[in-house]
C-alpha atoms as a PDB file:
ATOM      1  CA  UNK A   1      28.826 101.187 272.651  1.00  0.00           C
ATOM      2  CA  UNK A   2      30.171  98.220 270.473  1.00  0.00           C
ATOM      3  CA  UNK A   3      27.871  95.335 271.157  1.00  0.00           C
ATOM      4  CA  UNK A   4      28.383  91.363 269.942  1.00  0.00           C
ATOM      5  CA  UNK A   5      25.056  89.788 269.641  1.00  0.00           C
ATOM      6  CA  UNK A   6      23.522  86.068 268.771  1.00  0.00           C
ATOM      7  CA  UNK A   7      20.794  85.476 267.323  1.00  0.00           C
ATOM      8  CA  UNK A   8      19.353  81.901 267.125  1.00  0.00           C
ATOM      9  CA  UNK A   9      16.443  80.631 265.172  1.00  0.00           C
ATOM     10  CA  UNK A  10      15.168  83.942 263.443  1.00  0.00           C
ATOM     11  CA  UNK A  11      16.927  84.436 260.519  1.00  0.00           C
ATOM     12  CA  UNK A  12      14.337  87.323 259.472  1.00  0.00           C
ATOM     13  CA  UNK A  13      15.786  89.444 262.784  1.00  0.00           C
ATOM     14  CA  UNK A  14      17.558  92.591 261.975  1.00  0.00           C
ATOM     15  CA  UNK A  15      20.491  92.590 264.192  1.00  0.00           C
ATOM     16  CA  UNK A  16      22.430  95.647 263.079  1.00  0.00           C
ATOM     17  CA  UNK A  17      21.221  98.923 261.798  1.00  0.00           C
ATOM     18  CA  UNK A  18      24.031  99.975 259.981  1.00  0.00           C
ATOM     19  CA  UNK A  19      26.848  98.201 258.406  1.00  0.00           C
ATOM     20  CA  UNK A  20      26.981  94.772 256.245  1.00  0.00           C
ATOM     21  CA  UNK A  21      24.351  92.215 256.414  1.00  0.00           C
ATOM     22  CA  UNK A  22      24.141  88.663 254.750  1.00  0.00           C
ATOM     23  CA  UNK A  23      20.753  89.267 254.656  1.00  0.00           C
ATOM     24  CA  UNK A  24      18.949  90.414 251.316  1.00  0.00           C
ATOM     25  CA  UNK A  25      15.937  91.471 252.258  1.00  0.00           C
ATOM     26  CA  UNK A  26      14.402  94.541 254.577  1.00  0.00           C
ATOM     27  CA  UNK A  27      15.610  97.665 254.501  1.00  0.00           C
ATOM     28  CA  UNK A  28      19.265  96.735 253.197  1.00  0.00           C
ATOM     29  CA  UNK A  29      20.812  98.229 250.105  1.00  0.00           C
ATOM     30  CA  UNK A  30      21.978  95.659 247.832  1.00  0.00           C
ATOM     31  CA  UNK A  31      25.692  95.347 246.965  1.00  0.00           C
ATOM     32  CA  UNK A  32      27.371  93.914 243.269  1.00  0.00           C
ATOM     33  CA  UNK A  33      28.693  91.199 245.633  1.00  0.00           C
ATOM     34  CA  UNK A  34      30.723  90.683 248.576  1.00  0.00           C
ATOM     35  CA  UNK A  35      33.050  93.260 249.646  1.00  0.00           C
ATOM     36  CA  UNK A  36      36.536  92.450 248.444  1.00  0.00           C
ATOM     37  CA  UNK A  37      38.258  93.873 251.477  1.00  0.00           C
ATOM     38  CA  UNK A  38      42.163  94.087 251.977  1.00  0.00           C
ATOM     39  CA  UNK A  39      43.003  92.168 254.680  1.00  0.00           C
ATOM     40  CA  UNK A  40      45.021  93.333 257.891  1.00  0.00           C
ATOM     41  CA  UNK A  41      46.983  91.178 259.988  1.00  0.00           C
ATOM     42  CA  UNK A  42      44.243  90.646 262.320  1.00  0.00           C
ATOM     43  CA  UNK A  43      42.152  89.628 259.525  1.00  0.00           C
ATOM     44  CA  UNK A  44      44.398  86.998 258.139  1.00  0.00           C
ATOM     45  CA  UNK A  45      44.967  85.978 261.892  1.00  0.00           C
ATOM     46  CA  UNK A  46      41.272  85.054 261.967  1.00  0.00           C
ATOM     47  CA  UNK A  47      41.064  83.446 259.004  1.00  0.00           C
ATOM     48  CA  UNK A  48      43.910  80.992 259.780  1.00  0.00           C
ATOM     49  CA  UNK A  49      42.191  80.138 263.013  1.00  0.00           C
ATOM     50  CA  UNK A  50      39.510  78.952 261.605  1.00  0.00           C
ATOM     51  CA  UNK A  51      41.610  76.696 258.975  1.00  0.00           C
ATOM     52  CA  UNK A  52      43.021  75.743 261.845  1.00  0.00           C
ATOM     53  CA  UNK A  53      40.061  74.952 263.932  1.00  0.00           C
ATOM     54  CA  UNK A  54      39.058  72.668 260.815  1.00  0.00           C
ATOM     55  CA  UNK A  55      42.321  70.985 260.106  1.00  0.00           C
ATOM     56  CA  UNK A  56      42.169  73.005 256.708  1.00  0.00           C
ATOM     57  CA  UNK A  57      45.556  72.619 255.297  1.00  0.00           C
ATOM     58  CA  UNK A  58      45.657  76.352 253.849  1.00  0.00           C
ATOM     59  CA  UNK A  59      47.424  79.679 255.180  1.00  0.00           C
ATOM     60  CA  UNK A  60      46.113  83.166 254.626  1.00  0.00           C
ATOM     61  CA  UNK A  61      49.430  84.621 256.071  1.00  0.00           C
ATOM     62  CA  UNK A  62      50.936  86.249 253.044  1.00  0.00           C
ATOM     63  CA  UNK A  63      47.209  87.106 250.983  1.00  0.00           C
ATOM     64  CA  UNK A  64      46.611  90.585 250.980  1.00  0.00           C
ATOM     65  CA  UNK A  65      42.739  90.653 249.797  1.00  0.00           C
ATOM     66  CA  UNK A  66      39.457  88.441 250.430  1.00  0.00           C
ATOM     67  CA  UNK A  67      39.684  87.387 246.640  1.00  0.00           C
ATOM     68  CA  UNK A  68      43.324  85.796 247.475  1.00  0.00           C
ATOM     69  CA  UNK A  69      41.827  84.010 250.460  1.00  0.00           C
ATOM     70  CA  UNK A  70      38.812  82.207 248.324  1.00  0.00           C
ATOM     71  CA  UNK A  71      41.096  81.792 244.994  1.00  0.00           C
ATOM     72  CA  UNK A  72      44.132  80.175 247.310  1.00  0.00           C
ATOM     73  CA  UNK A  73      41.717  77.990 249.330  1.00  0.00           C
ATOM     74  CA  UNK A  74      38.979  77.793 247.215  1.00  0.00           C
ATOM     75  CA  UNK A  75      39.692  73.735 247.241  1.00  0.00           C
ATOM     76  CA  UNK A  76      38.695  73.675 250.748  1.00  0.00           C
ATOM     77  CA  UNK A  77      35.565  75.867 250.661  1.00  0.00           C
ATOM     78  CA  UNK A  78      31.973  74.595 249.514  1.00  0.00           C
ATOM     79  CA  UNK A  79      31.028  77.417 247.534  1.00  0.00           C
ATOM     80  CA  UNK A  80      31.690  80.456 245.521  1.00  0.00           C
ATOM     81  CA  UNK A  81      30.842  83.766 245.835  1.00  0.00           C
ATOM     82  CA  UNK A  82      30.559  86.925 244.018  1.00  0.00           C
ATOM     83  CA  UNK A  83      33.396  89.769 245.060  1.00  0.00           C
ATOM     84  CA  UNK A  84      32.966  93.519 244.117  1.00  0.00           C
ATOM     85  CA  UNK A  85      35.302  96.482 244.771  1.00  0.00           C
ATOM     86  CA  UNK A  86      32.583  98.853 244.327  1.00  0.00           C
ATOM     87  CA  UNK A  87      31.984  99.717 247.302  1.00  0.00           C
ATOM     88  CA  UNK A  88      32.480 102.986 250.010  1.00  0.00           C
ATOM     89  CA  UNK A  89      33.625 102.238 253.455  1.00  0.00           C
ATOM     90  CA  UNK A  90      32.138 105.400 254.413  1.00  0.00           C
ATOM     91  CA  UNK A  91      29.042 104.786 253.179  1.00  0.00           C
ATOM     92  CA  UNK A  92      28.944 101.409 254.865  1.00  0.00           C
ATOM     93  CA  UNK A  93      29.064 103.000 258.327  1.00  0.00           C
ATOM     94  CA  UNK A  94      26.434 104.793 257.599  1.00  0.00           C
ATOM     95  CA  UNK A  95      23.720 102.865 256.145  1.00  0.00           C
ATOM     96  CA  UNK A  96      22.939  99.217 255.926  1.00  0.00           C
ATOM     97  CA  UNK A  97      23.906  97.208 252.931  1.00  0.00           C
ATOM     98  CA  UNK A  98      23.345  93.371 251.867  1.00  0.00           C
ATOM     99  CA  UNK A  99      26.228  91.259 250.439  1.00  0.00           C
ATOM    100  CA  UNK A 100      25.345  87.806 248.782  1.00  0.00           C
ATOM    101  CA  UNK A 101      27.077  85.668 251.608  1.00  0.00           C
ATOM    102  CA  UNK A 102      25.683  81.907 251.199  1.00  0.00           C
ATOM    103  CA  UNK A 103      25.178  80.535 255.255  1.00  0.00           C
ATOM    104  CA  UNK A 104      27.158  77.831 254.091  1.00  0.00           C
ATOM    105  CA  UNK A 105      29.927  76.719 256.392  1.00  0.00           C
ATOM    106  CA  UNK A 106      32.912  77.763 256.591  1.00  0.00           C
ATOM    107  CA  UNK A 107      32.431  80.314 254.335  1.00  0.00           C
ATOM    108  CA  UNK A 108      29.962  82.474 255.920  1.00  0.00           C
ATOM    109  CA  UNK A 109      31.999  82.672 258.890  1.00  0.00           C
ATOM    110  CA  UNK A 110      35.614  83.352 257.315  1.00  0.00           C
ATOM    111  CA  UNK A 111      33.493  86.161 255.152  1.00  0.00           C
ATOM    112  CA  UNK A 112      31.987  87.359 258.270  1.00  0.00           C
ATOM    113  CA  UNK A 113      35.261  87.592 260.169  1.00  0.00           C
ATOM    114  CA  UNK A 114      37.550  89.006 257.385  1.00  0.00           C
ATOM    115  CA  UNK A 115      34.657  91.938 256.807  1.00  0.00           C
ATOM    116  CA  UNK A 116      34.554  92.896 260.622  1.00  0.00           C
ATOM    117  CA  UNK A 117      38.021  93.022 260.893  1.00  0.00           C
ATOM    118  CA  UNK A 118      39.239  94.533 257.476  1.00  0.00           C
ATOM    119  CA  UNK A 119      36.397  97.615 256.817  1.00  0.00           C
ATOM    120  CA  UNK A 120      35.691  98.066 260.762  1.00  0.00           C
ATOM    121  CA  UNK A 121      32.257  98.029 259.860  1.00  0.00           C
ATOM    122  CA  UNK A 122      29.148  96.736 261.650  1.00  0.00           C
ATOM    123  CA  UNK A 123      28.920  93.398 260.068  1.00  0.00           C
ATOM    124  CA  UNK A 124      25.846  90.804 260.506  1.00  0.00           C
ATOM    125  CA  UNK A 125      26.481  87.013 259.692  1.00  0.00           C
ATOM    126  CA  UNK A 126      25.570  83.417 259.930  1.00  0.00           C
ATOM    127  CA  UNK A 127      28.054  80.923 261.815  1.00  0.00           C
ATOM    128  CA  UNK A 128      27.529  77.951 263.395  1.00  0.00           C
ATOM    129  CA  UNK A 129      31.121  77.447 264.416  1.00  0.00           C
ATOM    130  CA  UNK A 130      30.827  80.340 267.225  1.00  0.00           C
ATOM    131  CA  UNK A 131      31.191  78.329 270.187  1.00  0.00           C
ATOM    132  CA  UNK A 132      34.773  76.880 268.622  1.00  0.00           C
ATOM    133  CA  UNK A 133      35.838  80.670 268.308  1.00  0.00           C
ATOM    134  CA  UNK A 134      35.135  82.427 271.393  1.00  0.00           C
ATOM    135  CA  UNK A 135      38.665  83.718 271.316  1.00  0.00           C
ATOM    136  CA  UNK A 136      38.443  84.934 267.657  1.00  0.00           C
ATOM    137  CA  UNK A 137      34.998  86.766 268.801  1.00  0.00           C
ATOM    138  CA  UNK A 138      36.827  88.297 271.794  1.00  0.00           C
ATOM    139  CA  UNK A 139      39.004  90.084 269.308  1.00  0.00           C
ATOM    140  CA  UNK A 140      36.096  91.383 267.286  1.00  0.00           C
ATOM    141  CA  UNK A 141      34.841  93.100 270.590  1.00  0.00           C
ATOM    142  CA  UNK A 142      37.751  95.259 270.815  1.00  0.00           C
ATOM    143  CA  UNK A 143      37.031  97.062 267.380  1.00  0.00           C
ATOM    144  CA  UNK A 144      34.505  99.193 268.836  1.00  0.00           C
ATOM    145  CA  UNK A 145      31.934  97.622 266.150  1.00  0.00           C
ATOM    146  CA  UNK A 146      28.569  96.328 266.259  1.00  0.00           C
ATOM    147  CA  UNK A 147      28.412  92.122 265.061  1.00  0.00           C
ATOM    148  CA  UNK A 148      25.480  90.368 265.076  1.00  0.00           C
ATOM    149  CA  UNK A 149      26.058  86.585 264.528  1.00  0.00           C
ATOM    150  CA  UNK A 150      22.821  84.093 263.334  1.00  0.00           C
ATOM    151  CA  UNK A 151      23.209  80.454 264.138  1.00  0.00           C
ATOM    152  CA  UNK A 152      21.108  77.467 264.788  1.00  0.00           C
ATOM    153  CA  UNK A 153      23.602  76.587 267.610  1.00  0.00           C
ATOM    154  CA  UNK A 154      23.601  77.384 271.163  1.00  0.00           C
ATOM    155  CA  UNK A 155      25.716  76.296 273.578  1.00  0.00           C
ATOM    156  CA  UNK A 156      24.986  77.357 277.118  1.00  0.00           C
ATOM    157  CA  UNK A 157      28.611  77.006 278.470  1.00  0.00           C
ATOM    158  CA  UNK A 158      30.462  79.453 275.667  1.00  0.00           C
ATOM    159  CA  UNK A 159      27.680  82.039 275.609  1.00  0.00           C
ATOM    160  CA  UNK A 160      29.455  84.715 277.835  1.00  0.00           C
ATOM    161  CA  UNK A 161      31.296  86.317 275.032  1.00  0.00           C
ATOM    162  CA  UNK A 162      28.105  87.975 273.733  1.00  0.00           C
ATOM    163  CA  UNK A 163      26.331  91.215 275.182  1.00  0.00           C
ATOM    164  CA  UNK A 164      23.044  89.745 273.988  1.00  0.00           C
ATOM    165  CA  UNK A 165      21.106  86.719 272.961  1.00  0.00           C
ATOM    166  CA  UNK A 166      17.973  86.867 271.108  1.00  0.00           C
ATOM    167  CA  UNK A 167      16.474  83.500 270.884  1.00  0.00           C
ATOM    168  CA  UNK A 168      13.416  82.200 269.212  1.00  0.00           C
ATOM    169  CA  UNK A 169      10.850  80.509 271.661  1.00  0.00           C
ATOM    170  CA  UNK A 170      10.040  76.814 270.832  1.00  0.00           C
ATOM    171  CA  UNK A 171       7.265  74.881 272.711  1.00  0.00           C
ATOM    172  CA  UNK A 172       8.444  71.485 273.708  1.00  0.00           C
ATOM    173  CA  UNK A 173       5.330  70.369 275.361  1.00  0.00           C
ATOM    174  CA  UNK A 174       4.904  67.418 277.823  1.00  0.00           C
ATOM    175  CA  UNK A 175       2.555  64.638 277.186  1.00  0.00           C
ATOM    176  CA  UNK A 176      -0.320  65.944 279.570  1.00  0.00           C
ATOM    177  CA  UNK A 177       0.116  69.429 277.763  1.00  0.00           C
ATOM    178  CA  UNK A 178      -0.399  67.957 273.622  1.00  0.00           C
ATOM    179  CA  UNK A 179      -4.322  69.156 273.831  1.00  0.00           C
ATOM    180  CA  UNK A 180      -2.990  72.683 274.213  1.00  0.00           C
ATOM    181  CA  UNK A 181      -1.417  75.038 271.852  1.00  0.00           C
ATOM    182  CA  UNK A 182       1.047  77.984 272.521  1.00  0.00           C
ATOM    183  CA  UNK A 183       1.965  80.115 269.490  1.00  0.00           C
ATOM    184  CA  UNK A 184       5.240  81.114 270.032  1.00  0.00           C
ATOM    185  CA  UNK A 185       5.959  82.226 266.059  1.00  0.00           C
ATOM    186  CA  UNK A 186       6.189  85.971 266.648  1.00  0.00           C
ATOM    187  CA  UNK A 187       7.713  86.205 270.050  1.00  0.00           C
ATOM    188  CA  UNK A 188      11.404  85.995 270.960  1.00  0.00           C
ATOM    189  CA  UNK A 189      13.400  86.006 274.208  1.00  0.00           C
ATOM    190  CA  UNK A 190      15.926  88.700 274.347  1.00  0.00           C
ATOM    191  CA  UNK A 191      18.716  88.218 277.108  1.00  0.00           C
ATOM    192  CA  UNK A 192      21.230  90.927 277.812  1.00  0.00           C
ATOM    193  CA  UNK A 193      21.517  93.353 280.848  1.00  0.00           C
ATOM    194  CA  UNK A 194      17.973  91.945 281.379  1.00  0.00           C
ATOM    195  CA  UNK A 195      15.592  89.080 280.304  1.00  0.00           C
ATOM    196  CA  UNK A 196      12.719  90.193 278.293  1.00  0.00           C
ATOM    197  CA  UNK A 197       9.781  88.482 275.592  1.00  0.00           C
ATOM    198  CA  UNK A 198       8.895  90.677 273.039  1.00  0.00           C
ATOM    199  CA  UNK A 199       6.522  90.288 269.843  1.00  0.00           C
ATOM    200  CA  UNK A 200       8.539  90.036 266.564  1.00  0.00           C
ATOM    201  CA  UNK A 201       6.213  88.998 263.954  1.00  0.00           C
ATOM    202  CA  UNK A 202       7.690  86.482 261.661  1.00  0.00           C
ATOM    203  CA  UNK A 203       8.676  88.529 258.121  1.00  0.00           C
ATOM    204  CA  UNK A 204       9.752  87.385 254.976  1.00  0.00           C
ATOM    205  CA  UNK A 205      13.373  87.169 253.839  1.00  0.00           C
ATOM    206  CA  UNK A 206      15.807  86.006 251.402  1.00  0.00           C
ATOM    207  CA  UNK A 207      19.509  84.527 251.308  1.00  0.00           C
ATOM    208  CA  UNK A 208      22.288  84.114 249.174  1.00  0.00           C
ATOM    209  CA  UNK A 209      23.417  81.029 247.183  1.00  0.00           C
ATOM    210  CA  UNK A 210      26.490  80.154 245.943  1.00  0.00           C
ATOM    211  CA  UNK A 211      27.461  81.325 242.461  1.00  0.00           C
ATOM    212  CA  UNK A 212      29.277  78.913 239.674  1.00  0.00           C
ATOM    213  CA  UNK A 213      32.835  79.421 240.176  1.00  0.00           C
ATOM    214  CA  UNK A 214      35.359  81.363 237.463  1.00  0.00           C
ATOM    215  CA  UNK A 215      37.856  79.550 236.308  1.00  0.00           C
ATOM    216  CA  UNK A 216      40.607  81.649 234.481  1.00  0.00           C
ATOM    217  CA  UNK A 217      40.953  80.714 230.886  1.00  0.00           C
ATOM    218  CA  UNK A 218      44.813  80.154 231.414  1.00  0.00           C
ATOM    219  CA  UNK A 219      43.867  77.622 234.087  1.00  0.00           C
ATOM    220  CA  UNK A 220      41.621  75.712 231.166  1.00  0.00           C
ATOM    221  CA  UNK A 221      44.452  76.003 228.861  1.00  0.00           C
ATOM    222  CA  UNK A 222      46.784  74.098 231.033  1.00  0.00           C
ATOM    223  CA  UNK A 223      44.547  71.717 232.234  1.00  0.00           C
ATOM    224  CA  UNK A 224      43.316  70.609 228.344  1.00  0.00           C
ATOM    225  CA  UNK A 225      47.378  70.931 227.441  1.00  0.00           C
ATOM    226  CA  UNK A 226      47.872  68.599 230.348  1.00  0.00           C
ATOM    227  CA  UNK A 227      45.093  65.912 229.261  1.00  0.00           C
ATOM    228  CA  UNK A 228      45.069  66.346 225.521  1.00  0.00           C
ATOM    229  CA  UNK A 229      48.863  66.643 224.638  1.00  0.00           C
ATOM    230  CA  UNK A 230      50.627  64.827 227.559  1.00  0.00           C
ATOM    231  CA  UNK A 231      47.967  62.138 228.546  1.00  0.00           C
ATOM    232  CA  UNK A 232      47.131  63.477 232.088  1.00  0.00           C
ATOM    233  CA  UNK A 233      50.744  63.052 233.469  1.00  0.00           C
ATOM    234  CA  UNK A 234      54.219  65.346 233.009  1.00  0.00           C
ATOM    235  CA  UNK A 235      57.031  66.702 234.512  1.00  0.00           C
ATOM    236  CA  UNK A 236      56.487  69.953 235.884  1.00  0.00           C
ATOM    237  CA  UNK A 237      59.169  71.391 233.198  1.00  0.00           C
ATOM    238  CA  UNK A 238      57.555  70.066 230.138  1.00  0.00           C
ATOM    239  CA  UNK A 239      54.191  71.362 231.157  1.00  0.00           C
ATOM    240  CA  UNK A 240      55.483  74.976 231.933  1.00  0.00           C
ATOM    241  CA  UNK A 241      57.373  74.880 228.578  1.00  0.00           C
ATOM    242  CA  UNK A 242      54.981  73.974 226.884  1.00  0.00           C
ATOM    243  CA  UNK A 243      52.356  77.175 228.450  1.00  0.00           C
ATOM    244  CA  UNK A 244      55.761  78.849 228.635  1.00  0.00           C
ATOM    245  CA  UNK A 245      54.656  79.951 231.791  1.00  0.00           C
ATOM    246  CA  UNK A 246      54.417  78.248 235.546  1.00  0.00           C
ATOM    247  CA  UNK A 247      51.603  80.596 236.591  1.00  0.00           C
ATOM    248  CA  UNK A 248      48.379  79.024 235.396  1.00  0.00           C
ATOM    249  CA  UNK A 249      50.144  75.847 236.622  1.00  0.00           C
ATOM    250  CA  UNK A 250      50.508  76.931 239.980  1.00  0.00           C
ATOM    251  CA  UNK A 251      47.077  78.123 240.059  1.00  0.00           C
ATOM    252  CA  UNK A 252      45.681  74.642 238.915  1.00  0.00           C
ATOM    253  CA  UNK A 253      47.537  73.108 241.309  1.00  0.00           C
ATOM    254  CA  UNK A 254      46.268  75.337 244.063  1.00  0.00           C
ATOM    255  CA  UNK A 255      42.639  75.351 243.285  1.00  0.00           C
ATOM    256  CA  UNK A 256      42.666  71.509 243.248  1.00  0.00           C
ATOM    257  CA  UNK A 257      42.793  70.916 239.272  1.00  0.00           C
ATOM    258  CA  UNK A 258      46.248  69.216 239.425  1.00  0.00           C
ATOM    259  CA  UNK A 259      48.565  67.580 242.006  1.00  0.00           C
ATOM    260  CA  UNK A 260      51.973  67.882 242.346  1.00  0.00           C
ATOM    261  CA  UNK A 261      54.702  65.130 243.606  1.00  0.00           C
ATOM    262  CA  UNK A 262      57.665  66.603 244.437  1.00  0.00           C
ATOM    263  CA  UNK A 263      59.367  63.017 244.528  1.00  0.00           C
ATOM    264  CA  UNK A 264      59.286  62.779 241.059  1.00  0.00           C
ATOM    265  CA  UNK A 265      58.556  66.415 240.312  1.00  0.00           C
ATOM    266  CA  UNK A 266      55.466  65.204 237.996  1.00  0.00           C
ATOM    267  CA  UNK A 267      51.982  67.154 237.847  1.00  0.00           C
ATOM    268  CA  UNK A 268      48.893  64.583 236.815  1.00  0.00           C
ATOM    269  CA  UNK A 269      45.114  65.824 236.370  1.00  0.00           C
ATOM    270  CA  UNK A 270      42.472  65.166 239.140  1.00  0.00           C
ATOM    271  CA  UNK A 271      38.922  64.152 238.529  1.00  0.00           C
ATOM    272  CA  UNK A 272      38.198  67.614 239.994  1.00  0.00           C
ATOM    273  CA  UNK A 273      39.581  68.775 236.332  1.00  0.00           C
ATOM    274  CA  UNK A 274      38.059  66.085 234.177  1.00  0.00           C
ATOM    275  CA  UNK A 275      34.790  67.352 235.553  1.00  0.00           C
ATOM    276  CA  UNK A 276      36.062  70.717 234.803  1.00  0.00           C
ATOM    277  CA  UNK A 277      36.184  69.651 230.818  1.00  0.00           C
ATOM    278  CA  UNK A 278      33.177  68.002 230.589  1.00  0.00           C
ATOM    279  CA  UNK A 279      31.343  70.471 231.983  1.00  0.00           C
ATOM    280  CA  UNK A 280      32.711  73.221 229.760  1.00  0.00           C
ATOM    281  CA  UNK A 281      31.704  70.773 226.682  1.00  0.00           C
ATOM    282  CA  UNK A 282      35.191  69.688 226.001  1.00  0.00           C
ATOM    283  CA  UNK A 283      34.268  66.090 226.394  1.00  0.00           C
ATOM    284  CA  UNK A 284      34.779  65.601 222.868  1.00  0.00           C
ATOM    285  CA  UNK A 285      37.985  66.609 222.728  1.00  0.00           C
ATOM    286  CA  UNK A 286      39.688  65.092 225.282  1.00  0.00           C
ATOM    287  CA  UNK A 287      37.289  62.501 226.984  1.00  0.00           C
ATOM    288  CA  UNK A 288      35.193  59.456 225.137  1.00  0.00           C
ATOM    289  CA  UNK A 289      33.107  57.832 228.174  1.00  0.00           C
ATOM    290  CA  UNK A 290      35.730  58.469 230.654  1.00  0.00           C
ATOM    291  CA  UNK A 291      38.834  57.035 228.878  1.00  0.00           C
ATOM    292  CA  UNK A 292      42.185  59.098 227.249  1.00  0.00           C
ATOM    293  CA  UNK A 293      41.785  60.344 223.849  1.00  0.00           C
ATOM    294  CA  UNK A 294      43.853  58.485 221.676  1.00  0.00           C
ATOM    295  CA  UNK A 295      47.101  59.238 221.574  1.00  0.00           C
ATOM    296  CA  UNK A 296      47.496  59.837 224.927  1.00  0.00           C
ATOM    297  CA  UNK A 297      49.996  57.810 227.316  1.00  0.00           C
ATOM    298  CA  UNK A 298      47.842  55.329 228.898  1.00  0.00           C
ATOM    299  CA  UNK A 299      45.599  54.908 231.994  1.00  0.00           C
ATOM    300  CA  UNK A 300      48.780  55.494 234.246  1.00  0.00           C
ATOM    301  CA  UNK A 301      48.275  59.363 233.761  1.00  0.00           C
ATOM    302  CA  UNK A 302      44.559  59.406 234.484  1.00  0.00           C
ATOM    303  CA  UNK A 303      44.442  56.777 237.149  1.00  0.00           C
ATOM    304  CA  UNK A 304      46.813  58.432 239.665  1.00  0.00           C
ATOM    305  CA  UNK A 305      44.966  61.519 239.701  1.00  0.00           C
ATOM    306  CA  UNK A 306      43.748  63.002 243.143  1.00  0.00           C
ATOM    307  CA  UNK A 307      40.112  63.419 243.979  1.00  0.00           C
ATOM    308  CA  UNK A 308      40.517  67.074 243.963  1.00  0.00           C
END
């Protein structure tokens, strides 16, 4: 029978026997990256549910894969992850695999919901947002797969969505008990059809860290042209004419390297883009101590850039 489980305060605790986990240690086989799952209508709805809950101005309604979400909405996500198409769903259902999913919100929750709903495999992920998404978790219960959610948050008014809760025991002594010591490091409380205490010795574990974002060359070129040749601000038509393509401009706007003003049909560089150019060692060609290169159109094209 499928089970949805909450694990509190024990990142080393293995919550599933087969499927995809964010935990990089133990007996899990490592994947090259996070599976770039093709999204179902349910998956897109769950991702939009997270965006709406957090007030993120992004929409996954018309995307087809997880990579599209991370690309189109990357401006609102605090980290980047490595994706892979090198996976077999059948194998994910019979063995335990680890994927490099950071425990950084809302990225971890979005990826966890997407993988469980799109691949229909057992999934283990980290989420501190779960108390605000119990309706989304109810949808996962109907999929027939096991879901284990690690968290540092416990809401006693909203835990009824879970079939089992594994909770680390933490001693909070009274003043008159301070002289006594109680070691709870290896003991956890399991609350399900019954309530029991079990010994689960702490063991080493590893977690994924964010990777450097990958920026397409055509996006970098579009940013350079806007800064170097057009002074940081231009009409959308003049920029696309110079690039002979709208795709790179639209992509740069989507990920926060340019802003678009529909009132006067102009695009402007953002401080995020200037940081990108500096990090790519283009500052010698484009920037001089944070000022436009000679031949630019003056300060107006720079000071009006968005914050990215």
